[in-house]
């Protein structure tokens, strides 16, 4: 497996541990709708939260969250819509970003709550 793929898997594992420690219940990981993927789907306080996880080994080239483009947000919203319809969910929804940088001996996680609204990504 390529090193960047392994880093992404480790970053998502760190993200899950981070979320569970804060009371989130993980419903799905790497849920796919066609070509679209949702990294983590969780719930907390009767909200359904769709997470995009971006992991980097350094922030020298910019913060990980800056790699989330408008087309990526649109694909997330489409996949989330499909998930909500498929599972017949009727609860508030939000889209969060977890930006993760692996330092030499620790992980730095930044959580952006309500990072975007699907209606703002046309």
C-alpha atoms as a PDB file:
ATOM      1  CA  UNK A   1       0.000   0.000   0.000  1.00  0.00           C
ATOM      2  CA  UNK A   2       1.272   3.456  -0.866  1.00  0.00           C
ATOM      3  CA  UNK A   3       2.502   5.527   2.067  1.00  0.00           C
ATOM      4  CA  UNK A   4      -0.093   8.269   1.490  1.00  0.00           C
ATOM      5  CA  UNK A   5      -2.898   5.668   1.533  1.00  0.00           C
ATOM      6  CA  UNK A   6      -1.614   4.257   4.817  1.00  0.00           C
ATOM      7  CA  UNK A   7      -1.414   7.769   6.252  1.00  0.00           C
ATOM      8  CA  UNK A   8      -5.041   8.356   5.233  1.00  0.00           C
ATOM      9  CA  UNK A   9      -6.179   5.150   6.943  1.00  0.00           C
ATOM     10  CA  UNK A  10      -4.276   6.038  10.113  1.00  0.00           C
ATOM     11  CA  UNK A  11      -5.723   9.552  10.002  1.00  0.00           C
ATOM     12  CA  UNK A  12      -9.270   8.203   9.734  1.00  0.00           C
ATOM     13  CA  UNK A  13      -8.593   5.867  12.666  1.00  0.00           C
ATOM     14  CA  UNK A  14      -7.407   8.884  14.680  1.00  0.00           C
ATOM     15  CA  UNK A  15     -10.528  10.768  13.607  1.00  0.00           C
ATOM     16  CA  UNK A  16     -12.804   7.965  14.834  1.00  0.00           C
ATOM     17  CA  UNK A  17     -11.004   7.819  18.197  1.00  0.00           C
ATOM     18  CA  UNK A  18     -11.256  11.611  18.490  1.00  0.00           C
ATOM     19  CA  UNK A  19     -14.992  11.589  17.746  1.00  0.00           C
ATOM     20  CA  UNK A  20     -15.822   8.655  20.014  1.00  0.00           C
ATOM     21  CA  UNK A  21     -13.949  10.331  22.887  1.00  0.00           C
ATOM     22  CA  UNK A  22     -16.286  13.305  22.407  1.00  0.00           C
ATOM     23  CA  UNK A  23     -19.488  11.308  22.475  1.00  0.00           C
ATOM     24  CA  UNK A  24     -20.140  10.800  18.777  1.00  0.00           C
ATOM     25  CA  UNK A  25     -21.629   7.489  17.687  1.00  0.00           C
ATOM     26  CA  UNK A  26     -20.060   6.251  14.471  1.00  0.00           C
ATOM     27  CA  UNK A  27     -22.689   4.928  12.062  1.00  0.00           C
ATOM     28  CA  UNK A  28     -20.573   4.349   8.962  1.00  0.00           C
ATOM     29  CA  UNK A  29     -17.028   4.614   7.666  1.00  0.00           C
ATOM     30  CA  UNK A  30     -16.161   5.051   4.003  1.00  0.00           C
ATOM     31  CA  UNK A  31     -19.797   4.837   2.899  1.00  0.00           C
ATOM     32  CA  UNK A  32     -20.124   4.906  -0.877  1.00  0.00           C
ATOM     33  CA  UNK A  33     -22.837   6.163  -3.172  1.00  0.00           C
ATOM     34  CA  UNK A  34     -21.670   5.430  -6.687  1.00  0.00           C
ATOM     35  CA  UNK A  35     -18.353   7.233  -7.065  1.00  0.00           C
ATOM     36  CA  UNK A  36     -18.993   9.486  -4.068  1.00  0.00           C
ATOM     37  CA  UNK A  37     -17.723   8.609  -0.627  1.00  0.00           C
ATOM     38  CA  UNK A  38     -18.454   9.864   2.865  1.00  0.00           C
ATOM     39  CA  UNK A  39     -15.469   9.292   5.158  1.00  0.00           C
ATOM     40  CA  UNK A  40     -17.374   9.114   8.442  1.00  0.00           C
ATOM     41  CA  UNK A  41     -21.062   9.347   9.257  1.00  0.00           C
ATOM     42  CA  UNK A  42     -21.799   9.885  12.926  1.00  0.00           C
ATOM     43  CA  UNK A  43     -24.532  11.046  15.221  1.00  0.00           C
ATOM     44  CA  UNK A  44     -24.583  13.117  18.353  1.00  0.00           C
ATOM     45  CA  UNK A  45     -27.335  15.008  20.140  1.00  0.00           C
ATOM     46  CA  UNK A  46     -29.932  13.822  17.610  1.00  0.00           C
ATOM     47  CA  UNK A  47     -27.917  15.273  14.699  1.00  0.00           C
ATOM     48  CA  UNK A  48     -26.510  13.324  11.780  1.00  0.00           C
ATOM     49  CA  UNK A  49     -23.019  14.540  10.891  1.00  0.00           C
ATOM     50  CA  UNK A  50     -21.133  13.814   7.690  1.00  0.00           C
ATOM     51  CA  UNK A  51     -17.366  14.140   8.112  1.00  0.00           C
ATOM     52  CA  UNK A  52     -14.686  14.721   5.532  1.00  0.00           C
ATOM     53  CA  UNK A  53     -11.279  13.742   6.897  1.00  0.00           C
ATOM     54  CA  UNK A  54      -8.124  15.221   5.377  1.00  0.00           C
ATOM     55  CA  UNK A  55      -4.803  13.919   6.646  1.00  0.00           C
ATOM     56  CA  UNK A  56      -1.332  15.198   5.852  1.00  0.00           C
ATOM     57  CA  UNK A  57       2.146  14.392   7.107  1.00  0.00           C
ATOM     58  CA  UNK A  58       3.005  18.095   7.177  1.00  0.00           C
ATOM     59  CA  UNK A  59       1.280  21.429   6.813  1.00  0.00           C
ATOM     60  CA  UNK A  60       4.179  22.875   4.809  1.00  0.00           C
ATOM     61  CA  UNK A  61       2.013  22.961   1.685  1.00  0.00           C
ATOM     62  CA  UNK A  62      -1.044  24.380   3.416  1.00  0.00           C
ATOM     63  CA  UNK A  63      -3.623  23.190   5.888  1.00  0.00           C
ATOM     64  CA  UNK A  64      -5.344  19.901   4.964  1.00  0.00           C
ATOM     65  CA  UNK A  65      -8.817  21.437   4.990  1.00  0.00           C
ATOM     66  CA  UNK A  66      -7.893  23.736   2.099  1.00  0.00           C
ATOM     67  CA  UNK A  67      -7.911  20.655  -0.167  1.00  0.00           C
ATOM     68  CA  UNK A  68     -11.705  20.396   0.157  1.00  0.00           C
ATOM     69  CA  UNK A  69     -13.027  22.027  -2.985  1.00  0.00           C
ATOM     70  CA  UNK A  70     -16.509  23.100  -3.972  1.00  0.00           C
ATOM     71  CA  UNK A  71     -16.885  20.036  -6.258  1.00  0.00           C
ATOM     72  CA  UNK A  72     -15.912  17.799  -3.312  1.00  0.00           C
ATOM     73  CA  UNK A  73     -18.531  19.486  -1.114  1.00  0.00           C
ATOM     74  CA  UNK A  74     -21.098  18.978  -3.862  1.00  0.00           C
ATOM     75  CA  UNK A  75     -20.254  15.250  -4.087  1.00  0.00           C
ATOM     76  CA  UNK A  76     -20.506  14.945  -0.295  1.00  0.00           C
ATOM     77  CA  UNK A  77     -23.918  16.611  -0.347  1.00  0.00           C
ATOM     78  CA  UNK A  78     -25.115  14.271  -3.099  1.00  0.00           C
ATOM     79  CA  UNK A  79     -23.922  11.199  -1.195  1.00  0.00           C
ATOM     80  CA  UNK A  80     -25.460  12.509   2.034  1.00  0.00           C
ATOM     81  CA  UNK A  81     -28.781  13.071   0.284  1.00  0.00           C
ATOM     82  CA  UNK A  82     -28.686   9.484  -0.973  1.00  0.00           C
ATOM     83  CA  UNK A  83     -27.813   8.171   2.509  1.00  0.00           C
ATOM     84  CA  UNK A  84     -30.646  10.131   4.152  1.00  0.00           C
ATOM     85  CA  UNK A  85     -33.185   8.865   1.618  1.00  0.00           C
ATOM     86  CA  UNK A  86     -31.935   5.278   1.765  1.00  0.00           C
ATOM     87  CA  UNK A  87     -31.963   5.151   5.589  1.00  0.00           C
ATOM     88  CA  UNK A  88     -35.145   7.265   5.884  1.00  0.00           C
ATOM     89  CA  UNK A  89     -33.551   9.676   8.317  1.00  0.00           C
ATOM     90  CA  UNK A  90     -35.455  12.668   9.604  1.00  0.00           C
ATOM     91  CA  UNK A  91     -33.065  14.598  11.829  1.00  0.00           C
ATOM     92  CA  UNK A  92     -30.929  17.715  11.536  1.00  0.00           C
ATOM     93  CA  UNK A  93     -27.836  17.258   9.370  1.00  0.00           C
ATOM     94  CA  UNK A  94     -24.477  18.984   9.293  1.00  0.00           C
ATOM     95  CA  UNK A  95     -21.212  18.702   7.391  1.00  0.00           C
ATOM     96  CA  UNK A  96     -17.975  18.822   9.384  1.00  0.00           C
ATOM     97  CA  UNK A  97     -14.318  18.661   8.421  1.00  0.00           C
ATOM     98  CA  UNK A  98     -11.550  17.011  10.408  1.00  0.00           C
ATOM     99  CA  UNK A  99      -8.126  18.354   9.445  1.00  0.00           C
ATOM    100  CA  UNK A 100      -5.360  16.044  10.668  1.00  0.00           C
ATOM    101  CA  UNK A 101      -1.603  16.528  10.557  1.00  0.00           C
ATOM    102  CA  UNK A 102       0.733  13.784  11.713  1.00  0.00           C
ATOM    103  CA  UNK A 103       3.633  15.399  13.505  1.00  0.00           C
ATOM    104  CA  UNK A 104       6.724  13.368  14.361  1.00  0.00           C
ATOM    105  CA  UNK A 105       5.298  11.879  17.542  1.00  0.00           C
ATOM    106  CA  UNK A 106       1.663  12.991  17.707  1.00  0.00           C
ATOM    107  CA  UNK A 107      -1.463  13.877  15.732  1.00  0.00           C
ATOM    108  CA  UNK A 108      -2.881  17.384  15.497  1.00  0.00           C
ATOM    109  CA  UNK A 109      -6.630  17.367  14.868  1.00  0.00           C
ATOM    110  CA  UNK A 110      -8.663  20.432  14.056  1.00  0.00           C
ATOM    111  CA  UNK A 111     -12.453  20.075  13.931  1.00  0.00           C
ATOM    112  CA  UNK A 112     -14.475  22.455  11.767  1.00  0.00           C
ATOM    113  CA  UNK A 113     -18.115  22.102  12.780  1.00  0.00           C
ATOM    114  CA  UNK A 114     -20.834  23.085  10.299  1.00  0.00           C
ATOM    115  CA  UNK A 115     -18.063  23.642   7.767  1.00  0.00           C
ATOM    116  CA  UNK A 116     -20.457  24.177   4.889  1.00  0.00           C
ATOM    117  CA  UNK A 117     -24.106  24.067   3.939  1.00  0.00           C
ATOM    118  CA  UNK A 118     -25.114  22.058   0.870  1.00  0.00           C
ATOM    119  CA  UNK A 119     -27.216  24.936  -0.478  1.00  0.00           C
ATOM    120  CA  UNK A 120     -24.101  27.149  -0.581  1.00  0.00           C
ATOM    121  CA  UNK A 121     -22.088  24.935  -2.942  1.00  0.00           C
ATOM    122  CA  UNK A 122     -23.815  25.375  -6.303  1.00  0.00           C
END
